[in-house]
Full PDB file with SEQRES, HELIX, SHEET, SSBOND, CRYST1, ORIGX, SCALE, CONECT and MASTER records, all heavy atoms in Angstrom:
SEQRES   1 A   40  TRP LEU ILE THR LEU VAL THR TRP LYS LEU ALA SER LEU          
SEQRES   2 A   40  TRP PHE ARG GLN GLN THR ALA VAL LEU LEU ALA LEU ALA          
SEQRES   3 A   40  SER VAL LEU LEU VAL LEU ILE GLU PRO TYR TYR SER TYR          
SEQRES   4 A   40  GLY                                                          
HELIX    1 AA1 LEU A    2  SER A   12  1                                  11    
HELIX    2 AA2 GLN A   17  ALA A   26  1                                  10    
HELIX    3 AA3 SER A   27  LEU A   30  5                                   4    
CRYST1    1.000    1.000    1.000  90.00  90.00  90.00 P 1           1          
ORIGX1      1.000000  0.000000  0.000000        0.00000                         
ORIGX2      0.000000  1.000000  0.000000        0.00000                         
ORIGX3      0.000000  0.000000  1.000000        0.00000                         
SCALE1      1.000000  0.000000  0.000000        0.00000                         
SCALE2      0.000000  1.000000  0.000000        0.00000                         
SCALE3      0.000000  0.000000  1.000000        0.00000                         
ATOM      1  N   TRP A   1       8.676   5.596 -22.795  1.00  0.00           N  
ATOM      2  CA  TRP A   1       9.332   5.576 -24.106  1.00  0.00           C  
ATOM      3  C   TRP A   1      10.703   4.919 -24.012  1.00  0.00           C  
ATOM      4  O   TRP A   1      11.065   4.076 -24.857  1.00  0.00           O  
ATOM      5  CB  TRP A   1       9.450   7.007 -24.634  1.00  0.00           C  
ATOM      6  CG  TRP A   1      10.084   7.126 -25.992  1.00  0.00           C  
ATOM      7  CD1 TRP A   1       9.766   6.410 -27.111  1.00  0.00           C  
ATOM      8  CD2 TRP A   1      11.119   8.029 -26.371  1.00  0.00           C  
ATOM      9  NE1 TRP A   1      10.548   6.824 -28.170  1.00  0.00           N  
ATOM     10  CE2 TRP A   1      11.382   7.808 -27.750  1.00  0.00           C  
ATOM     11  CE3 TRP A   1      11.834   9.008 -25.693  1.00  0.00           C  
ATOM     12  CZ2 TRP A   1      12.345   8.537 -28.443  1.00  0.00           C  
ATOM     13  CZ3 TRP A   1      12.792   9.731 -26.385  1.00  0.00           C  
ATOM     14  CH2 TRP A   1      13.041   9.500 -27.746  1.00  0.00           C  
ATOM     15  N   LEU A   2      11.469   5.252 -22.986  1.00  0.00           N  
ATOM     16  CA  LEU A   2      12.789   4.643 -22.805  1.00  0.00           C  
ATOM     17  C   LEU A   2      12.675   3.135 -22.591  1.00  0.00           C  
ATOM     18  O   LEU A   2      13.493   2.360 -23.091  1.00  0.00           O  
ATOM     19  CB  LEU A   2      13.516   5.299 -21.630  1.00  0.00           C  
ATOM     20  CG  LEU A   2      13.950   6.755 -21.823  1.00  0.00           C  
ATOM     21  CD1 LEU A   2      14.533   7.311 -20.532  1.00  0.00           C  
ATOM     22  CD2 LEU A   2      14.959   6.869 -22.959  1.00  0.00           C  
ATOM     23  N   ILE A   3      11.646   2.723 -21.854  1.00  0.00           N  
ATOM     24  CA  ILE A   3      11.439   1.286 -21.631  1.00  0.00           C  
ATOM     25  C   ILE A   3      11.192   0.575 -22.960  1.00  0.00           C  
ATOM     26  O   ILE A   3      11.771  -0.482 -23.233  1.00  0.00           O  
ATOM     27  CB  ILE A   3      10.273   1.062 -20.659  1.00  0.00           C  
ATOM     28  CG1 ILE A   3      10.645   1.559 -19.254  1.00  0.00           C  
ATOM     29  CG2 ILE A   3       9.883  -0.418 -20.599  1.00  0.00           C  
ATOM     30  CD1 ILE A   3       9.486   1.575 -18.277  1.00  0.00           C  
ATOM     31  N   THR A   4      10.323   1.149 -23.787  1.00  0.00           N  
ATOM     32  CA  THR A   4      10.033   0.506 -25.076  1.00  0.00           C  
ATOM     33  C   THR A   4      11.244   0.534 -26.000  1.00  0.00           C  
ATOM     34  O   THR A   4      11.478  -0.419 -26.751  1.00  0.00           O  
ATOM     35  CB  THR A   4       8.837   1.185 -25.768  1.00  0.00           C  
ATOM     36  OG1 THR A   4       9.115   2.584 -25.977  1.00  0.00           O  
ATOM     37  CG2 THR A   4       7.573   1.054 -24.919  1.00  0.00           C  
ATOM     38  N   LEU A   5      12.033   1.610 -25.945  1.00  0.00           N  
ATOM     39  CA  LEU A   5      13.228   1.688 -26.788  1.00  0.00           C  
ATOM     40  C   LEU A   5      14.235   0.604 -26.411  1.00  0.00           C  
ATOM     41  O   LEU A   5      14.791  -0.083 -27.287  1.00  0.00           O  
ATOM     42  CB  LEU A   5      13.886   3.066 -26.651  1.00  0.00           C  
ATOM     43  CG  LEU A   5      13.277   4.222 -27.442  1.00  0.00           C  
ATOM     44  CD1 LEU A   5      14.005   5.516 -27.118  1.00  0.00           C  
ATOM     45  CD2 LEU A   5      13.317   3.950 -28.933  1.00  0.00           C  
ATOM     46  N   VAL A   6      14.501   0.456 -25.112  1.00  0.00           N  
ATOM     47  CA  VAL A   6      15.475  -0.551 -24.680  1.00  0.00           C  
ATOM     48  C   VAL A   6      14.952  -1.955 -24.982  1.00  0.00           C  
ATOM     49  O   VAL A   6      15.706  -2.839 -25.382  1.00  0.00           O  
ATOM     50  CB  VAL A   6      15.802  -0.388 -23.180  1.00  0.00           C  
ATOM     51  CG1 VAL A   6      16.835  -1.421 -22.751  1.00  0.00           C  
ATOM     52  CG2 VAL A   6      16.345   1.008 -22.898  1.00  0.00           C  
ATOM     53  N   THR A   7      13.647  -2.161 -24.811  1.00  0.00           N  
ATOM     54  CA  THR A   7      13.065  -3.463 -25.146  1.00  0.00           C  
ATOM     55  C   THR A   7      13.224  -3.755 -26.627  1.00  0.00           C  
ATOM     56  O   THR A   7      13.524  -4.890 -27.023  1.00  0.00           O  
ATOM     57  CB  THR A   7      11.575  -3.494 -24.768  1.00  0.00           C  
ATOM     58  OG1 THR A   7      11.427  -3.185 -23.377  1.00  0.00           O  
ATOM     59  CG2 THR A   7      10.984  -4.864 -25.038  1.00  0.00           C  
ATOM     60  N   TRP A   8      13.019  -2.756 -27.450  1.00  0.00           N  
ATOM     61  CA  TRP A   8      13.198  -2.921 -28.894  1.00  0.00           C  
ATOM     62  C   TRP A   8      14.633  -3.348 -29.219  1.00  0.00           C  
ATOM     63  O   TRP A   8      14.862  -4.266 -30.024  1.00  0.00           O  
ATOM     64  CB  TRP A   8      12.842  -1.614 -29.596  1.00  0.00           C  
ATOM     65  CG  TRP A   8      13.198  -1.575 -31.045  1.00  0.00           C  
ATOM     66  CD1 TRP A   8      12.886  -2.492 -32.003  1.00  0.00           C  
ATOM     67  CD2 TRP A   8      13.959  -0.555 -31.700  1.00  0.00           C  
ATOM     68  NE1 TRP A   8      13.394  -2.111 -33.227  1.00  0.00           N  
ATOM     69  CE2 TRP A   8      14.059  -0.925 -33.072  1.00  0.00           C  
ATOM     70  CE3 TRP A   8      14.542   0.632 -31.271  1.00  0.00           C  
ATOM     71  CZ2 TRP A   8      14.736  -0.134 -33.998  1.00  0.00           C  
ATOM     72  CZ3 TRP A   8      15.214   1.419 -32.202  1.00  0.00           C  
ATOM     73  CH2 TRP A   8      15.298   1.028 -33.546  1.00  0.00           C  
ATOM     74  N   LYS A   9      15.601  -2.705 -28.580  1.00  0.00           N  
ATOM     75  CA  LYS A   9      16.996  -3.065 -28.826  1.00  0.00           C  
ATOM     76  C   LYS A   9      17.287  -4.481 -28.331  1.00  0.00           C  
ATOM     77  O   LYS A   9      18.025  -5.241 -28.978  1.00  0.00           O  
ATOM     78  CB  LYS A   9      17.923  -2.064 -28.143  1.00  0.00           C  
ATOM     79  CG  LYS A   9      17.923  -0.693 -28.792  1.00  0.00           C  
ATOM     80  CD  LYS A   9      19.007   0.187 -28.214  1.00  0.00           C  
ATOM     81  CE  LYS A   9      19.101   1.518 -28.947  1.00  0.00           C  
ATOM     82  NZ  LYS A   9      20.227   2.350 -28.453  1.00  0.00           N  
ATOM     83  N   LEU A  10      16.722  -4.830 -27.178  1.00  0.00           N  
ATOM     84  CA  LEU A  10      16.910  -6.191 -26.666  1.00  0.00           C  
ATOM     85  C   LEU A  10      16.310  -7.219 -27.623  1.00  0.00           C  
ATOM     86  O   LEU A  10      16.952  -8.220 -27.979  1.00  0.00           O  
ATOM     87  CB  LEU A  10      16.254  -6.319 -25.286  1.00  0.00           C  
ATOM     88  CG  LEU A  10      17.126  -6.213 -24.044  1.00  0.00           C  
ATOM     89  CD1 LEU A  10      16.263  -6.197 -22.792  1.00  0.00           C  
ATOM     90  CD2 LEU A  10      18.129  -7.356 -23.982  1.00  0.00           C  
ATOM     91  N   ALA A  11      15.074  -6.986 -28.039  1.00  0.00           N  
ATOM     92  CA  ALA A  11      14.406  -7.927 -28.934  1.00  0.00           C  
ATOM     93  C   ALA A  11      15.114  -8.018 -30.275  1.00  0.00           C  
ATOM     94  O   ALA A  11      15.104  -9.080 -30.923  1.00  0.00           O  
ATOM     95  CB  ALA A  11      12.944  -7.509 -29.129  1.00  0.00           C  
ATOM     96  N   SER A  12      15.760  -6.923 -30.694  1.00  0.00           N  
ATOM     97  CA  SER A  12      16.464  -6.929 -31.989  1.00  0.00           C  
ATOM     98  C   SER A  12      17.659  -7.871 -31.990  1.00  0.00           C  
ATOM     99  O   SER A  12      18.159  -8.234 -33.059  1.00  0.00           O  
ATOM    100  CB  SER A  12      16.932  -5.514 -32.334  1.00  0.00           C  
ATOM    101  OG  SER A  12      15.835  -4.640 -32.510  1.00  0.00           O  
ATOM    102  N   LEU A  13      18.123  -8.269 -30.820  1.00  0.00           N  
ATOM    103  CA  LEU A  13      19.242  -9.202 -30.755  1.00  0.00           C  
ATOM    104  C   LEU A  13      18.845 -10.596 -31.233  1.00  0.00           C  
ATOM    105  O   LEU A  13      19.690 -11.357 -31.708  1.00  0.00           O  
ATOM    106  CB  LEU A  13      19.773  -9.282 -29.322  1.00  0.00           C  
ATOM    107  CG  LEU A  13      20.292  -7.986 -28.684  1.00  0.00           C  
ATOM    108  CD1 LEU A  13      20.719  -8.239 -27.263  1.00  0.00           C  
ATOM    109  CD2 LEU A  13      21.438  -7.409 -29.496  1.00  0.00           C  
ATOM    110  N   TRP A  14      17.559 -10.928 -31.104  1.00  0.00           N  
ATOM    111  CA  TRP A  14      17.131 -12.303 -31.371  1.00  0.00           C  
ATOM    112  C   TRP A  14      15.964 -12.410 -32.363  1.00  0.00           C  
ATOM    113  O   TRP A  14      15.615 -13.499 -32.772  1.00  0.00           O  
ATOM    114  CB  TRP A  14      16.728 -12.975 -30.052  1.00  0.00           C  
ATOM    115  CG  TRP A  14      17.817 -12.897 -29.033  1.00  0.00           C  
ATOM    116  CD1 TRP A  14      19.095 -13.377 -29.153  1.00  0.00           C  
ATOM    117  CD2 TRP A  14      17.748 -12.287 -27.735  1.00  0.00           C  
ATOM    118  NE1 TRP A  14      19.821 -13.110 -28.018  1.00  0.00           N  
ATOM    119  CE2 TRP A  14      19.026 -12.443 -27.121  1.00  0.00           C  
ATOM    120  CE3 TRP A  14      16.743 -11.634 -27.018  1.00  0.00           C  
ATOM    121  CZ2 TRP A  14      19.310 -11.969 -25.852  1.00  0.00           C  
ATOM    122  CZ3 TRP A  14      17.030 -11.163 -25.748  1.00  0.00           C  
ATOM    123  CH2 TRP A  14      18.295 -11.322 -25.186  1.00  0.00           C  
ATOM    124  N   PHE A  15      15.363 -11.263 -32.714  1.00  0.00           N  
ATOM    125  CA  PHE A  15      14.221 -11.289 -33.624  1.00  0.00           C  
ATOM    126  C   PHE A  15      14.458 -10.295 -34.754  1.00  0.00           C  
ATOM    127  O   PHE A  15      15.230  -9.345 -34.618  1.00  0.00           O  
ATOM    128  CB  PHE A  15      12.927 -10.916 -32.886  1.00  0.00           C  
ATOM    129  CG  PHE A  15      12.544 -11.859 -31.785  1.00  0.00           C  
ATOM    130  CD1 PHE A  15      12.973 -11.637 -30.484  1.00  0.00           C  
ATOM    131  CD2 PHE A  15      11.768 -12.978 -32.045  1.00  0.00           C  
ATOM    132  CE1 PHE A  15      12.628 -12.502 -29.460  1.00  0.00           C  
ATOM    133  CE2 PHE A  15      11.407 -13.845 -31.028  1.00  0.00           C  
ATOM    134  CZ  PHE A  15      11.845 -13.614 -29.730  1.00  0.00           C  
ATOM    135  N   ARG A  16      13.759 -10.496 -35.854  1.00  0.00           N  
ATOM    136  CA  ARG A  16      13.858  -9.542 -36.958  1.00  0.00           C  
ATOM    137  C   ARG A  16      13.151  -8.241 -36.576  1.00  0.00           C  
ATOM    138  O   ARG A  16      12.413  -8.179 -35.589  1.00  0.00           O  
ATOM    139  CB  ARG A  16      13.275 -10.131 -38.243  1.00  0.00           C  
ATOM    140  CG  ARG A  16      11.803 -10.466 -38.191  1.00  0.00           C  
ATOM    141  CD  ARG A  16      11.365 -11.217 -39.449  1.00  0.00           C  
ATOM    142  NE  ARG A  16       9.917 -11.461 -39.426  1.00  0.00           N  
ATOM    143  CZ  ARG A  16       9.025 -10.599 -39.865  1.00  0.00           C  
ATOM    144  NH1 ARG A  16       9.410  -9.436 -40.358  1.00  0.00           N  
ATOM    145  NH2 ARG A  16       7.731 -10.901 -39.823  1.00  0.00           N  
ATOM    146  N   GLN A  17      13.381  -7.205 -37.363  1.00  0.00           N  
ATOM    147  CA  GLN A  17      12.979  -5.847 -37.006  1.00  0.00           C  
ATOM    148  C   GLN A  17      11.493  -5.713 -36.682  1.00  0.00           C  
ATOM    149  O   GLN A  17      11.111  -5.139 -35.667  1.00  0.00           O  
ATOM    150  CB  GLN A  17      13.347  -4.897 -38.154  1.00  0.00           C  
ATOM    151  CG  GLN A  17      13.133  -3.432 -37.854  1.00  0.00           C  
ATOM    152  CD  GLN A  17      14.263  -2.854 -37.030  1.00  0.00           C  
ATOM    153  OE1 GLN A  17      14.421  -3.177 -35.865  1.00  0.00           O  
ATOM    154  NE2 GLN A  17      15.066  -1.999 -37.649  1.00  0.00           N  
ATOM    155  N   GLN A  18      10.630  -6.230 -37.555  1.00  0.00           N  
ATOM    156  CA  GLN A  18       9.197  -6.058 -37.364  1.00  0.00           C  
ATOM    157  C   GLN A  18       8.739  -6.711 -36.057  1.00  0.00           C  
ATOM    158  O   GLN A  18       7.966  -6.127 -35.293  1.00  0.00           O  
ATOM    159  CB  GLN A  18       8.423  -6.658 -38.538  1.00  0.00           C  
ATOM    160  CG  GLN A  18       6.901  -6.524 -38.422  1.00  0.00           C  
ATOM    161  CD  GLN A  18       6.170  -7.266 -39.524  1.00  0.00           C  
ATOM    162  OE1 GLN A  18       6.792  -7.900 -40.360  1.00  0.00           O  
ATOM    163  NE2 GLN A  18       4.858  -7.181 -39.536  1.00  0.00           N  
ATOM    164  N   THR A  19       9.229  -7.910 -35.811  1.00  0.00           N  
ATOM    165  CA  THR A  19       8.857  -8.603 -34.582  1.00  0.00           C  
ATOM    166  C   THR A  19       9.379  -7.869 -33.362  1.00  0.00           C  
ATOM    167  O   THR A  19       8.692  -7.770 -32.339  1.00  0.00           O  
ATOM    168  CB  THR A  19       9.398 -10.046 -34.601  1.00  0.00           C  
ATOM    169  OG1 THR A  19       8.944 -10.711 -35.777  1.00  0.00           O  
ATOM    170  CG2 THR A  19       8.935 -10.808 -33.378  1.00  0.00           C  
ATOM    171  N   ALA A  20      10.587  -7.343 -33.455  1.00  0.00           N  
ATOM    172  CA  ALA A  20      11.170  -6.613 -32.331  1.00  0.00           C  
ATOM    173  C   ALA A  20      10.337  -5.387 -31.973  1.00  0.00           C  
ATOM    174  O   ALA A  20      10.140  -5.069 -30.793  1.00  0.00           O  
ATOM    175  CB  ALA A  20      12.603  -6.204 -32.655  1.00  0.00           C  
ATOM    176  N   VAL A  21       9.847  -4.685 -32.986  1.00  0.00           N  
ATOM    177  CA  VAL A  21       9.003  -3.511 -32.731  1.00  0.00           C  
ATOM    178  C   VAL A  21       7.699  -3.921 -32.055  1.00  0.00           C  
ATOM    179  O   VAL A  21       7.239  -3.276 -31.108  1.00  0.00           O  
ATOM    180  CB  VAL A  21       8.725  -2.760 -34.048  1.00  0.00           C  
ATOM    181  CG1 VAL A  21       7.708  -1.648 -33.828  1.00  0.00           C  
ATOM    182  CG2 VAL A  21      10.013  -2.185 -34.612  1.00  0.00           C  
ATOM    183  N   LEU A  22       7.091  -4.995 -32.525  1.00  0.00           N  
ATOM    184  CA  LEU A  22       5.851  -5.474 -31.905  1.00  0.00           C  
ATOM    185  C   LEU A  22       6.081  -5.874 -30.443  1.00  0.00           C  
ATOM    186  O   LEU A  22       5.247  -5.601 -29.578  1.00  0.00           O  
ATOM    187  CB  LEU A  22       5.294  -6.661 -32.697  1.00  0.00           C  
ATOM    188  CG  LEU A  22       4.779  -6.358 -34.109  1.00  0.00           C  
ATOM    189  CD1 LEU A  22       4.344  -7.641 -34.805  1.00  0.00           C  
ATOM    190  CD2 LEU A  22       3.626  -5.357 -34.071  1.00  0.00           C  
ATOM    191  N   LEU A  23       7.209  -6.502 -30.179  1.00  0.00           N  
ATOM    192  CA  LEU A  23       7.527  -6.878 -28.803  1.00  0.00           C  
ATOM    193  C   LEU A  23       7.767  -5.641 -27.948  1.00  0.00           C  
ATOM    194  O   LEU A  23       7.418  -5.625 -26.762  1.00  0.00           O  
ATOM    195  CB  LEU A  23       8.744  -7.801 -28.781  1.00  0.00           C  
ATOM    196  CG  LEU A  23       8.525  -9.201 -29.367  1.00  0.00           C  
ATOM    197  CD1 LEU A  23       9.831  -9.961 -29.428  1.00  0.00           C  
ATOM    198  CD2 LEU A  23       7.493  -9.965 -28.552  1.00  0.00           C  
ATOM    199  N   ALA A  24       8.372  -4.614 -28.525  1.00  0.00           N  
ATOM    200  CA  ALA A  24       8.562  -3.361 -27.785  1.00  0.00           C  
ATOM    201  C   ALA A  24       7.215  -2.730 -27.446  1.00  0.00           C  
ATOM    202  O   ALA A  24       7.014  -2.220 -26.336  1.00  0.00           O  
ATOM    203  CB  ALA A  24       9.414  -2.394 -28.604  1.00  0.00           C  
ATOM    204  N   LEU A  25       6.281  -2.765 -28.402  1.00  0.00           N  
ATOM    205  CA  LEU A  25       4.937  -2.253 -28.127  1.00  0.00           C  
ATOM    206  C   LEU A  25       4.263  -3.059 -27.020  1.00  0.00           C  
ATOM    207  O   LEU A  25       3.568  -2.514 -26.166  1.00  0.00           O  
ATOM    208  CB  LEU A  25       4.087  -2.306 -29.400  1.00  0.00           C  
ATOM    209  CG  LEU A  25       4.516  -1.403 -30.560  1.00  0.00           C  
ATOM    210  CD1 LEU A  25       3.670  -1.703 -31.789  1.00  0.00           C  
ATOM    211  CD2 LEU A  25       4.403   0.072 -30.186  1.00  0.00           C  
ATOM    212  N   ALA A  26       4.486  -4.366 -27.036  1.00  0.00           N  
ATOM    213  CA  ALA A  26       3.845  -5.239 -26.049  1.00  0.00           C  
ATOM    214  C   ALA A  26       4.515  -5.187 -24.682  1.00  0.00           C  
ATOM    215  O   ALA A  26       3.936  -5.631 -23.692  1.00  0.00           O  
ATOM    216  CB  ALA A  26       3.832  -6.683 -26.562  1.00  0.00           C  
ATOM    217  N   SER A  27       5.734  -4.650 -24.612  1.00  0.00           N  
ATOM    218  CA  SER A  27       6.458  -4.624 -23.341  1.00  0.00           C  
ATOM    219  C   SER A  27       5.711  -3.844 -22.266  1.00  0.00           C  
ATOM    220  O   SER A  27       5.917  -4.070 -21.066  1.00  0.00           O  
ATOM    221  CB  SER A  27       7.846  -4.021 -23.543  1.00  0.00           C  
ATOM    222  OG  SER A  27       7.756  -2.644 -23.901  1.00  0.00           O  
ATOM    223  N   VAL A  28       4.831  -2.946 -22.685  1.00  0.00           N  
ATOM    224  CA  VAL A  28       4.092  -2.135 -21.709  1.00  0.00           C  
ATOM    225  C   VAL A  28       3.185  -2.990 -20.831  1.00  0.00           C  
ATOM    226  O   VAL A  28       2.756  -2.560 -19.757  1.00  0.00           O  
ATOM    227  CB  VAL A  28       3.264  -1.048 -22.423  1.00  0.00           C  
ATOM    228  CG1 VAL A  28       4.189  -0.086 -23.162  1.00  0.00           C  
ATOM    229  CG2 VAL A  28       2.260  -1.674 -23.391  1.00  0.00           C  
ATOM    230  N   LEU A  29       2.874  -4.224 -21.280  1.00  0.00           N  
ATOM    231  CA  LEU A  29       2.058  -5.114 -20.457  1.00  0.00           C  
ATOM    232  C   LEU A  29       2.747  -5.420 -19.138  1.00  0.00           C  
ATOM    233  O   LEU A  29       2.078  -5.652 -18.118  1.00  0.00           O  
ATOM    234  CB  LEU A  29       1.770  -6.421 -21.207  1.00  0.00           C  
ATOM    235  CG  LEU A  29       0.877  -6.318 -22.450  1.00  0.00           C  
ATOM    236  CD1 LEU A  29       0.860  -7.646 -23.189  1.00  0.00           C  
ATOM    237  CD2 LEU A  29      -0.534  -5.902 -22.056  1.00  0.00           C  
ATOM    238  N   LEU A  30       4.079  -5.425 -19.149  1.00  0.00           N  
ATOM    239  CA  LEU A  30       4.850  -5.681 -17.936  1.00  0.00           C  
ATOM    240  C   LEU A  30       5.321  -4.382 -17.290  1.00  0.00           C  
ATOM    241  O   LEU A  30       6.285  -4.374 -16.524  1.00  0.00           O  
ATOM    242  CB  LEU A  30       6.040  -6.584 -18.250  1.00  0.00           C  
ATOM    243  CG  LEU A  30       5.675  -8.056 -18.473  1.00  0.00           C  
ATOM    244  CD1 LEU A  30       6.901  -8.860 -18.892  1.00  0.00           C  
ATOM    245  CD2 LEU A  30       5.038  -8.667 -17.232  1.00  0.00           C  
ATOM    246  N   VAL A  31       4.633  -3.300 -17.607  1.00  0.00           N  
ATOM    247  CA  VAL A  31       4.900  -2.011 -16.960  1.00  0.00           C  
ATOM    248  C   VAL A  31       3.626  -1.457 -16.337  1.00  0.00           C  
ATOM    249  O   VAL A  31       3.603  -1.083 -15.152  1.00  0.00           O  
ATOM    250  CB  VAL A  31       5.466  -0.984 -17.963  1.00  0.00           C  
ATOM    251  CG1 VAL A  31       5.767   0.339 -17.253  1.00  0.00           C  
ATOM    252  CG2 VAL A  31       6.718  -1.510 -18.659  1.00  0.00           C  
ATOM    253  N   LEU A  32       2.540  -1.441 -17.106  1.00  0.00           N  
ATOM    254  CA  LEU A  32       1.304  -0.786 -16.690  1.00  0.00           C  
ATOM    255  C   LEU A  32       0.326  -1.711 -15.976  1.00  0.00           C  
ATOM    256  O   LEU A  32      -0.814  -1.329 -15.728  1.00  0.00           O  
ATOM    257  CB  LEU A  32       0.616  -0.177 -17.919  1.00  0.00           C  
ATOM    258  CG  LEU A  32       1.442   0.845 -18.705  1.00  0.00           C  
ATOM    259  CD1 LEU A  32       0.676   1.328 -19.922  1.00  0.00           C  
ATOM    260  CD2 LEU A  32       1.841   2.019 -17.823  1.00  0.00           C  
ATOM    261  N   ILE A  33       0.743  -2.902 -15.624  1.00  0.00           N  
ATOM    262  CA  ILE A  33      -0.157  -3.861 -14.999  1.00  0.00           C  
ATOM    263  C   ILE A  33      -0.456  -3.460 -13.549  1.00  0.00           C  
ATOM    264  O   ILE A  33       0.435  -3.060 -12.799  1.00  0.00           O  
ATOM    265  CB  ILE A  33       0.458  -5.285 -15.052  1.00  0.00           C  
ATOM    266  CG1 ILE A  33      -0.443  -6.286 -14.349  1.00  0.00           C  
ATOM    267  CG2 ILE A  33       1.868  -5.303 -14.476  1.00  0.00           C  
ATOM    268  CD1 ILE A  33       0.026  -7.730 -14.493  1.00  0.00           C  
ATOM    269  N   GLU A  34      -1.734  -3.526 -13.193  1.00  0.00           N  
ATOM    270  CA  GLU A  34      -2.130  -3.280 -11.807  1.00  0.00           C  
ATOM    271  C   GLU A  34      -1.910  -4.546 -10.988  1.00  0.00           C  
ATOM    272  O   GLU A  34      -1.969  -5.659 -11.522  1.00  0.00           O  
ATOM    273  CB  GLU A  34      -3.611  -2.901 -11.741  1.00  0.00           C  
ATOM    274  CG  GLU A  34      -3.940  -1.525 -12.255  1.00  0.00           C  
ATOM    275  CD  GLU A  34      -5.398  -1.170 -12.006  1.00  0.00           C  
ATOM    276  OE1 GLU A  34      -6.274  -1.825 -12.614  1.00  0.00           O  
ATOM    277  OE2 GLU A  34      -5.646  -0.281 -11.205  1.00  0.00           O  
ATOM    278  N   PRO A  35      -1.678  -4.402  -9.661  1.00  0.00           N  
ATOM    279  CA  PRO A  35      -1.580  -3.164  -8.882  1.00  0.00           C  
ATOM    280  C   PRO A  35      -0.155  -2.620  -8.799  1.00  0.00           C  
ATOM    281  O   PRO A  35       0.119  -1.716  -8.010  1.00  0.00           O  
ATOM    282  CB  PRO A  35      -2.054  -3.616  -7.495  1.00  0.00           C  
ATOM    283  CG  PRO A  35      -1.531  -5.012  -7.391  1.00  0.00           C  
ATOM    284  CD  PRO A  35      -1.627  -5.595  -8.792  1.00  0.00           C  
ATOM    285  N   TYR A  36       0.752  -3.157  -9.610  1.00  0.00           N  
ATOM    286  CA  TYR A  36       2.165  -2.789  -9.495  1.00  0.00           C  
ATOM    287  C   TYR A  36       2.421  -1.409 -10.082  1.00  0.00           C  
ATOM    288  O   TYR A  36       3.281  -0.679  -9.603  1.00  0.00           O  
ATOM    289  CB  TYR A  36       3.021  -3.875 -10.160  1.00  0.00           C  
ATOM    290  CG  TYR A  36       2.553  -5.243  -9.742  1.00  0.00           C  
ATOM    291  CD1 TYR A  36       1.805  -6.058 -10.598  1.00  0.00           C  
ATOM    292  CD2 TYR A  36       2.767  -5.691  -8.442  1.00  0.00           C  
ATOM    293  CE1 TYR A  36       1.332  -7.292 -10.184  1.00  0.00           C  
ATOM    294  CE2 TYR A  36       2.288  -6.925  -8.028  1.00  0.00           C  
ATOM    295  CZ  TYR A  36       1.565  -7.713  -8.901  1.00  0.00           C  
ATOM    296  OH  TYR A  36       1.071  -8.923  -8.477  1.00  0.00           O  
ATOM    297  N   TYR A  37       1.696  -1.085 -11.135  1.00  0.00           N  
ATOM    298  CA  TYR A  37       1.612   0.299 -11.608  1.00  0.00           C  
ATOM    299  C   TYR A  37       0.164   0.710 -11.393  1.00  0.00           C  
ATOM    300  O   TYR A  37      -0.735   0.171 -12.043  1.00  0.00           O  
ATOM    301  CB  TYR A  37       1.973   0.382 -13.090  1.00  0.00           C  
ATOM    302  CG  TYR A  37       1.804   1.765 -13.684  1.00  0.00           C  
ATOM    303  CD1 TYR A  37       2.883   2.632 -13.791  1.00  0.00           C  
ATOM    304  CD2 TYR A  37       0.563   2.197 -14.138  1.00  0.00           C  
ATOM    305  CE1 TYR A  37       2.714   3.899 -14.348  1.00  0.00           C  
ATOM    306  CE2 TYR A  37       0.392   3.457 -14.688  1.00  0.00           C  
ATOM    307  CZ  TYR A  37       1.469   4.296 -14.782  1.00  0.00           C  
ATOM    308  OH  TYR A  37       1.301   5.558 -15.327  1.00  0.00           O  
ATOM    309  N   SER A  38      -0.063   1.635 -10.476  1.00  0.00           N  
ATOM    310  CA  SER A  38      -1.443   1.952 -10.128  1.00  0.00           C  
ATOM    311  C   SER A  38      -1.874   3.337 -10.590  1.00  0.00           C  
ATOM    312  O   SER A  38      -2.876   3.493 -11.265  1.00  0.00           O  
ATOM    313  CB  SER A  38      -1.644   1.837  -8.607  1.00  0.00           C  
ATOM    314  OG  SER A  38      -1.502   0.496  -8.199  1.00  0.00           O  
ATOM    315  N   TYR A  39      -1.113   4.355 -10.218  1.00  0.00           N  
ATOM    316  CA  TYR A  39      -1.572   5.722 -10.451  1.00  0.00           C  
ATOM    317  C   TYR A  39      -0.620   6.537 -11.329  1.00  0.00           C  
ATOM    318  O   TYR A  39      -1.047   7.429 -12.036  1.00  0.00           O  
ATOM    319  CB  TYR A  39      -1.753   6.449  -9.116  1.00  0.00           C  
ATOM    320  CG  TYR A  39      -2.814   5.829  -8.243  1.00  0.00           C  
ATOM    321  CD1 TYR A  39      -2.506   4.844  -7.313  1.00  0.00           C  
ATOM    322  CD2 TYR A  39      -4.145   6.213  -8.364  1.00  0.00           C  
ATOM    323  CE1 TYR A  39      -3.486   4.269  -6.512  1.00  0.00           C  
ATOM    324  CE2 TYR A  39      -5.134   5.647  -7.580  1.00  0.00           C  
ATOM    325  CZ  TYR A  39      -4.799   4.669  -6.657  1.00  0.00           C  
ATOM    326  OH  TYR A  39      -5.778   4.099  -5.883  1.00  0.00           O  
ATOM    327  N   GLY A  40       0.649   6.261 -11.258  1.00  0.00           N  
ATOM    328  CA  GLY A  40       1.612   7.052 -12.010  1.00  0.00           C  
ATOM    329  C   GLY A  40       3.024   6.606 -11.687  1.00  0.00           C  
ATOM    330  O   GLY A  40       3.240   5.517 -11.148  1.00  0.00           O  
TER     331      GLY A  40                                                      
MASTER        0    0    0    3    0    0    0    6  330    1    0    4          
END                                                                             
């Protein structure tokens, strides 16, 4: 949740609100990707 929140704030610097939220939702792709995030 903290990762998505900070990403949302970062994206808000350069994108409008709706786009920033979508980018925050998509930020998890660079968190939960295997094998770098595997089990927990």
